[in-house]
């Protein structure tokens, strides 16, 4: 009888533990195709589709002093460097608040029209970005852009997908506002 009670207790504990872990939010967030002003302090944003390949056509940076918001736009094409439209390749953006950085990974990258030097020049006047590295790996057919921030930021990542235009991955970030306890 005591053996059955122990088995029941262990089974109940396992079920409770399983139920608790299934409630936890996924660390991955699927990027949306519209801006929602839903900023995160940490997390991994994923989007696009695995497939025939992608190309990095352009990287743009816009800063709004009034809103204290910075926007980075990655224009993506297909494997032949033609506008990807609604079919952009798989990407992942990881925001790491402990390291004050964002890591952007583009998989199945066939070619890039953007150099590391061009990206570094783009961020020279950024009030939020300390430095940027862009690594193109032709052997793995991938690109990794690491944005190092001067201070903690909160970020929103979304996609802009229109037929016959480059697919766009948009990163909006703004300094994390420190809250003080009274």
C-alpha atoms as a PDB file:
ATOM      1  CA  UNK A   1       0.000   0.000   0.000  1.00  0.00           C
ATOM      2  CA  UNK A   2       2.795   2.417   0.897  1.00  0.00           C
ATOM      3  CA  UNK A   3       4.396   1.674  -2.473  1.00  0.00           C
ATOM      4  CA  UNK A   4       1.160   2.713  -4.266  1.00  0.00           C
ATOM      5  CA  UNK A   5       0.968   5.963  -2.274  1.00  0.00           C
ATOM      6  CA  UNK A   6       4.572   6.832  -3.205  1.00  0.00           C
ATOM      7  CA  UNK A   7       3.878   6.037  -6.859  1.00  0.00           C
ATOM      8  CA  UNK A   8       0.751   8.216  -6.763  1.00  0.00           C
ATOM      9  CA  UNK A   9       2.658  11.129  -5.175  1.00  0.00           C
ATOM     10  CA  UNK A  10       5.471  10.882  -7.751  1.00  0.00           C
ATOM     11  CA  UNK A  11       2.954  10.675 -10.603  1.00  0.00           C
ATOM     12  CA  UNK A  12       1.029  13.687  -9.300  1.00  0.00           C
ATOM     13  CA  UNK A  13       4.267  15.668  -8.904  1.00  0.00           C
ATOM     14  CA  UNK A  14       5.326  14.797 -12.456  1.00  0.00           C
ATOM     15  CA  UNK A  15       1.940  15.850 -13.836  1.00  0.00           C
ATOM     16  CA  UNK A  16       2.040  19.139 -11.924  1.00  0.00           C
ATOM     17  CA  UNK A  17       5.577  19.818 -13.108  1.00  0.00           C
ATOM     18  CA  UNK A  18       4.617  19.051 -16.704  1.00  0.00           C
ATOM     19  CA  UNK A  19       1.520  21.265 -16.473  1.00  0.00           C
ATOM     20  CA  UNK A  20       3.584  24.134 -15.060  1.00  0.00           C
ATOM     21  CA  UNK A  21       6.190  23.921 -17.847  1.00  0.00           C
ATOM     22  CA  UNK A  22       3.569  23.818 -20.612  1.00  0.00           C
ATOM     23  CA  UNK A  23       2.130  27.103 -19.317  1.00  0.00           C
ATOM     24  CA  UNK A  24       5.456  28.895 -19.718  1.00  0.00           C
ATOM     25  CA  UNK A  25       5.690  31.363 -22.573  1.00  0.00           C
ATOM     26  CA  UNK A  26       7.863  30.362 -25.464  1.00  0.00           C
ATOM     27  CA  UNK A  27      11.146  32.299 -25.670  1.00  0.00           C
ATOM     28  CA  UNK A  28      10.520  32.525 -29.435  1.00  0.00           C
ATOM     29  CA  UNK A  29       8.165  35.106 -30.856  1.00  0.00           C
ATOM     30  CA  UNK A  30       6.846  34.862 -34.398  1.00  0.00           C
ATOM     31  CA  UNK A  31       7.238  38.258 -36.045  1.00  0.00           C
ATOM     32  CA  UNK A  32       4.056  39.916 -37.200  1.00  0.00           C
ATOM     33  CA  UNK A  33       3.465  41.754 -40.468  1.00  0.00           C
ATOM     34  CA  UNK A  34       2.228  44.888 -38.694  1.00  0.00           C
ATOM     35  CA  UNK A  35       3.693  47.183 -36.083  1.00  0.00           C
ATOM     36  CA  UNK A  36       1.933  46.734 -32.718  1.00  0.00           C
ATOM     37  CA  UNK A  37       4.139  48.886 -30.412  1.00  0.00           C
ATOM     38  CA  UNK A  38       4.760  45.744 -28.374  1.00  0.00           C
ATOM     39  CA  UNK A  39       8.378  46.094 -27.268  1.00  0.00           C
ATOM     40  CA  UNK A  40      10.398  43.349 -25.600  1.00  0.00           C
ATOM     41  CA  UNK A  41      13.419  43.583 -23.317  1.00  0.00           C
ATOM     42  CA  UNK A  42      14.713  40.110 -24.219  1.00  0.00           C
ATOM     43  CA  UNK A  43      13.747  37.358 -26.597  1.00  0.00           C
ATOM     44  CA  UNK A  44      14.108  35.687 -29.945  1.00  0.00           C
ATOM     45  CA  UNK A  45      12.035  36.823 -32.905  1.00  0.00           C
ATOM     46  CA  UNK A  46      11.683  34.505 -35.895  1.00  0.00           C
ATOM     47  CA  UNK A  47      10.171  34.931 -39.324  1.00  0.00           C
ATOM     48  CA  UNK A  48      10.368  34.149 -43.000  1.00  0.00           C
ATOM     49  CA  UNK A  49      10.448  30.698 -44.546  1.00  0.00           C
ATOM     50  CA  UNK A  50      13.196  28.193 -45.105  1.00  0.00           C
ATOM     51  CA  UNK A  51      13.545  27.549 -48.789  1.00  0.00           C
ATOM     52  CA  UNK A  52      15.554  28.362 -51.860  1.00  0.00           C
ATOM     53  CA  UNK A  53      17.589  31.201 -50.406  1.00  0.00           C
ATOM     54  CA  UNK A  54      17.676  34.903 -49.780  1.00  0.00           C
ATOM     55  CA  UNK A  55      19.826  37.958 -50.474  1.00  0.00           C
ATOM     56  CA  UNK A  56      20.567  41.062 -48.429  1.00  0.00           C
ATOM     57  CA  UNK A  57      19.808  43.985 -50.717  1.00  0.00           C
ATOM     58  CA  UNK A  58      20.144  46.936 -48.347  1.00  0.00           C
ATOM     59  CA  UNK A  59      20.294  48.028 -44.712  1.00  0.00           C
ATOM     60  CA  UNK A  60      18.804  51.364 -43.686  1.00  0.00           C
ATOM     61  CA  UNK A  61      18.751  53.259 -40.389  1.00  0.00           C
ATOM     62  CA  UNK A  62      16.325  55.987 -39.371  1.00  0.00           C
ATOM     63  CA  UNK A  63      16.330  57.892 -36.084  1.00  0.00           C
ATOM     64  CA  UNK A  64      13.454  59.945 -34.690  1.00  0.00           C
ATOM     65  CA  UNK A  65      14.752  62.390 -32.045  1.00  0.00           C
ATOM     66  CA  UNK A  66      11.199  63.284 -30.991  1.00  0.00           C
ATOM     67  CA  UNK A  67      10.203  59.670 -30.326  1.00  0.00           C
ATOM     68  CA  UNK A  68      13.723  58.649 -29.254  1.00  0.00           C
ATOM     69  CA  UNK A  69      13.230  55.642 -31.518  1.00  0.00           C
ATOM     70  CA  UNK A  70      15.675  54.132 -33.950  1.00  0.00           C
ATOM     71  CA  UNK A  71      14.616  51.928 -36.847  1.00  0.00           C
ATOM     72  CA  UNK A  72      16.768  49.474 -38.767  1.00  0.00           C
ATOM     73  CA  UNK A  73      15.341  48.065 -41.995  1.00  0.00           C
ATOM     74  CA  UNK A  74      16.836  45.063 -43.778  1.00  0.00           C
ATOM     75  CA  UNK A  75      15.699  44.791 -47.400  1.00  0.00           C
ATOM     76  CA  UNK A  76      15.681  41.168 -48.512  1.00  0.00           C
ATOM     77  CA  UNK A  77      15.541  39.638 -51.944  1.00  0.00           C
ATOM     78  CA  UNK A  78      15.322  36.136 -53.311  1.00  0.00           C
ATOM     79  CA  UNK A  79      18.316  33.965 -54.236  1.00  0.00           C
ATOM     80  CA  UNK A  80      18.791  35.971 -57.452  1.00  0.00           C
ATOM     81  CA  UNK A  81      18.757  39.365 -55.640  1.00  0.00           C
ATOM     82  CA  UNK A  82      15.302  40.197 -56.974  1.00  0.00           C
ATOM     83  CA  UNK A  83      12.685  41.613 -54.563  1.00  0.00           C
ATOM     84  CA  UNK A  84      11.435  38.787 -52.355  1.00  0.00           C
ATOM     85  CA  UNK A  85       7.923  40.185 -52.035  1.00  0.00           C
ATOM     86  CA  UNK A  86       5.951  38.109 -49.557  1.00  0.00           C
ATOM     87  CA  UNK A  87       8.406  35.178 -49.593  1.00  0.00           C
ATOM     88  CA  UNK A  88      11.390  36.233 -47.515  1.00  0.00           C
ATOM     89  CA  UNK A  89      13.918  33.708 -46.282  1.00  0.00           C
ATOM     90  CA  UNK A  90      14.170  32.546 -42.699  1.00  0.00           C
ATOM     91  CA  UNK A  91      15.625  34.993 -40.187  1.00  0.00           C
ATOM     92  CA  UNK A  92      16.107  35.194 -36.447  1.00  0.00           C
ATOM     93  CA  UNK A  93      16.668  38.264 -34.253  1.00  0.00           C
ATOM     94  CA  UNK A  94      17.882  37.695 -30.691  1.00  0.00           C
ATOM     95  CA  UNK A  95      17.744  40.553 -28.193  1.00  0.00           C
ATOM     96  CA  UNK A  96      20.090  39.958 -25.273  1.00  0.00           C
ATOM     97  CA  UNK A  97      19.672  42.569 -22.524  1.00  0.00           C
ATOM     98  CA  UNK A  98      22.470  41.057 -20.414  1.00  0.00           C
ATOM     99  CA  UNK A  99      24.953  41.797 -23.205  1.00  0.00           C
ATOM    100  CA  UNK A 100      23.192  44.926 -24.565  1.00  0.00           C
ATOM    101  CA  UNK A 101      23.104  43.546 -28.079  1.00  0.00           C
ATOM    102  CA  UNK A 102      20.896  42.207 -30.832  1.00  0.00           C
ATOM    103  CA  UNK A 103      22.019  39.379 -33.108  1.00  0.00           C
ATOM    104  CA  UNK A 104      20.379  39.115 -36.523  1.00  0.00           C
ATOM    105  CA  UNK A 105      20.852  35.828 -38.370  1.00  0.00           C
ATOM    106  CA  UNK A 106      19.916  35.435 -42.022  1.00  0.00           C
ATOM    107  CA  UNK A 107      19.878  31.822 -43.156  1.00  0.00           C
ATOM    108  CA  UNK A 108      20.421  30.502 -46.674  1.00  0.00           C
ATOM    109  CA  UNK A 109      21.990  33.791 -47.783  1.00  0.00           C
ATOM    110  CA  UNK A 110      23.086  33.487 -51.405  1.00  0.00           C
ATOM    111  CA  UNK A 111      24.558  36.990 -51.730  1.00  0.00           C
ATOM    112  CA  UNK A 112      24.803  40.392 -50.086  1.00  0.00           C
ATOM    113  CA  UNK A 113      24.933  43.816 -51.685  1.00  0.00           C
ATOM    114  CA  UNK A 114      25.909  45.233 -48.281  1.00  0.00           C
ATOM    115  CA  UNK A 115      29.423  45.211 -46.835  1.00  0.00           C
ATOM    116  CA  UNK A 116      30.466  45.340 -43.197  1.00  0.00           C
ATOM    117  CA  UNK A 117      32.106  48.739 -43.786  1.00  0.00           C
ATOM    118  CA  UNK A 118      28.867  50.173 -45.217  1.00  0.00           C
ATOM    119  CA  UNK A 119      26.885  48.937 -42.205  1.00  0.00           C
ATOM    120  CA  UNK A 120      29.451  50.347 -39.765  1.00  0.00           C
ATOM    121  CA  UNK A 121      29.301  53.747 -41.499  1.00  0.00           C
ATOM    122  CA  UNK A 122      25.517  53.667 -41.334  1.00  0.00           C
ATOM    123  CA  UNK A 123      25.576  53.531 -37.523  1.00  0.00           C
ATOM    124  CA  UNK A 124      28.344  56.091 -36.869  1.00  0.00           C
ATOM    125  CA  UNK A 125      25.871  58.792 -35.764  1.00  0.00           C
ATOM    126  CA  UNK A 126      23.519  56.492 -33.889  1.00  0.00           C
ATOM    127  CA  UNK A 127      22.698  57.668 -30.350  1.00  0.00           C
ATOM    128  CA  UNK A 128      21.918  54.076 -29.302  1.00  0.00           C
ATOM    129  CA  UNK A 129      24.420  51.886 -31.133  1.00  0.00           C
ATOM    130  CA  UNK A 130      28.013  51.545 -29.982  1.00  0.00           C
ATOM    131  CA  UNK A 131      29.198  49.351 -32.859  1.00  0.00           C
ATOM    132  CA  UNK A 132      27.986  46.894 -35.476  1.00  0.00           C
ATOM    133  CA  UNK A 133      29.570  43.789 -36.961  1.00  0.00           C
ATOM    134  CA  UNK A 134      28.387  42.061 -40.123  1.00  0.00           C
ATOM    135  CA  UNK A 135      29.801  38.638 -40.870  1.00  0.00           C
ATOM    136  CA  UNK A 136      29.101  37.001 -44.207  1.00  0.00           C
ATOM    137  CA  UNK A 137      29.842  33.289 -44.258  1.00  0.00           C
ATOM    138  CA  UNK A 138      29.754  31.952 -47.825  1.00  0.00           C
ATOM    139  CA  UNK A 139      30.513  28.397 -46.694  1.00  0.00           C
ATOM    140  CA  UNK A 140      27.497  28.246 -44.374  1.00  0.00           C
ATOM    141  CA  UNK A 141      25.492  30.553 -46.670  1.00  0.00           C
ATOM    142  CA  UNK A 142      24.553  32.806 -43.760  1.00  0.00           C
ATOM    143  CA  UNK A 143      24.981  36.327 -42.481  1.00  0.00           C
ATOM    144  CA  UNK A 144      25.125  37.528 -38.906  1.00  0.00           C
ATOM    145  CA  UNK A 145      24.780  41.155 -37.887  1.00  0.00           C
ATOM    146  CA  UNK A 146      25.525  42.008 -34.268  1.00  0.00           C
ATOM    147  CA  UNK A 147      24.346  45.384 -33.001  1.00  0.00           C
ATOM    148  CA  UNK A 148      26.038  46.413 -29.742  1.00  0.00           C
ATOM    149  CA  UNK A 149      24.008  48.994 -27.831  1.00  0.00           C
ATOM    150  CA  UNK A 150      25.354  51.810 -25.679  1.00  0.00           C
ATOM    151  CA  UNK A 151      22.635  51.153 -23.085  1.00  0.00           C
ATOM    152  CA  UNK A 152      19.764  48.703 -22.519  1.00  0.00           C
ATOM    153  CA  UNK A 153      17.024  48.929 -25.126  1.00  0.00           C
ATOM    154  CA  UNK A 154      13.585  47.512 -25.737  1.00  0.00           C
ATOM    155  CA  UNK A 155      12.804  46.278 -29.226  1.00  0.00           C
ATOM    156  CA  UNK A 156       9.985  45.367 -31.559  1.00  0.00           C
ATOM    157  CA  UNK A 157      10.612  43.283 -34.678  1.00  0.00           C
ATOM    158  CA  UNK A 158       8.131  42.965 -37.534  1.00  0.00           C
ATOM    159  CA  UNK A 159       8.013  42.270 -41.269  1.00  0.00           C
ATOM    160  CA  UNK A 160       6.760  44.362 -44.167  1.00  0.00           C
ATOM    161  CA  UNK A 161       5.735  42.128 -47.041  1.00  0.00           C
ATOM    162  CA  UNK A 162       4.404  43.519 -50.332  1.00  0.00           C
ATOM    163  CA  UNK A 163       4.351  41.834 -53.707  1.00  0.00           C
ATOM    164  CA  UNK A 164       7.096  42.917 -56.131  1.00  0.00           C
ATOM    165  CA  UNK A 165       9.037  44.792 -53.414  1.00  0.00           C
ATOM    166  CA  UNK A 166      11.917  43.713 -51.205  1.00  0.00           C
ATOM    167  CA  UNK A 167      10.761  41.872 -48.118  1.00  0.00           C
ATOM    168  CA  UNK A 168      11.623  43.966 -45.078  1.00  0.00           C
ATOM    169  CA  UNK A 169      12.655  42.989 -41.581  1.00  0.00           C
ATOM    170  CA  UNK A 170      12.141  46.019 -39.338  1.00  0.00           C
ATOM    171  CA  UNK A 171      13.735  46.483 -35.914  1.00  0.00           C
ATOM    172  CA  UNK A 172      12.436  49.394 -33.837  1.00  0.00           C
ATOM    173  CA  UNK A 173      14.326  50.074 -30.636  1.00  0.00           C
ATOM    174  CA  UNK A 174      14.326  52.709 -27.976  1.00  0.00           C
ATOM    175  CA  UNK A 175      16.234  53.092 -24.708  1.00  0.00           C
ATOM    176  CA  UNK A 176      14.804  51.090 -21.843  1.00  0.00           C
ATOM    177  CA  UNK A 177      13.363  53.535 -19.333  1.00  0.00           C
ATOM    178  CA  UNK A 178      14.553  52.869 -15.810  1.00  0.00           C
ATOM    179  CA  UNK A 179      11.791  52.678 -13.260  1.00  0.00           C
ATOM    180  CA  UNK A 180      12.415  53.853  -9.743  1.00  0.00           C
ATOM    181  CA  UNK A 181      10.681  52.524  -6.670  1.00  0.00           C
ATOM    182  CA  UNK A 182       9.262  55.032  -4.218  1.00  0.00           C
END
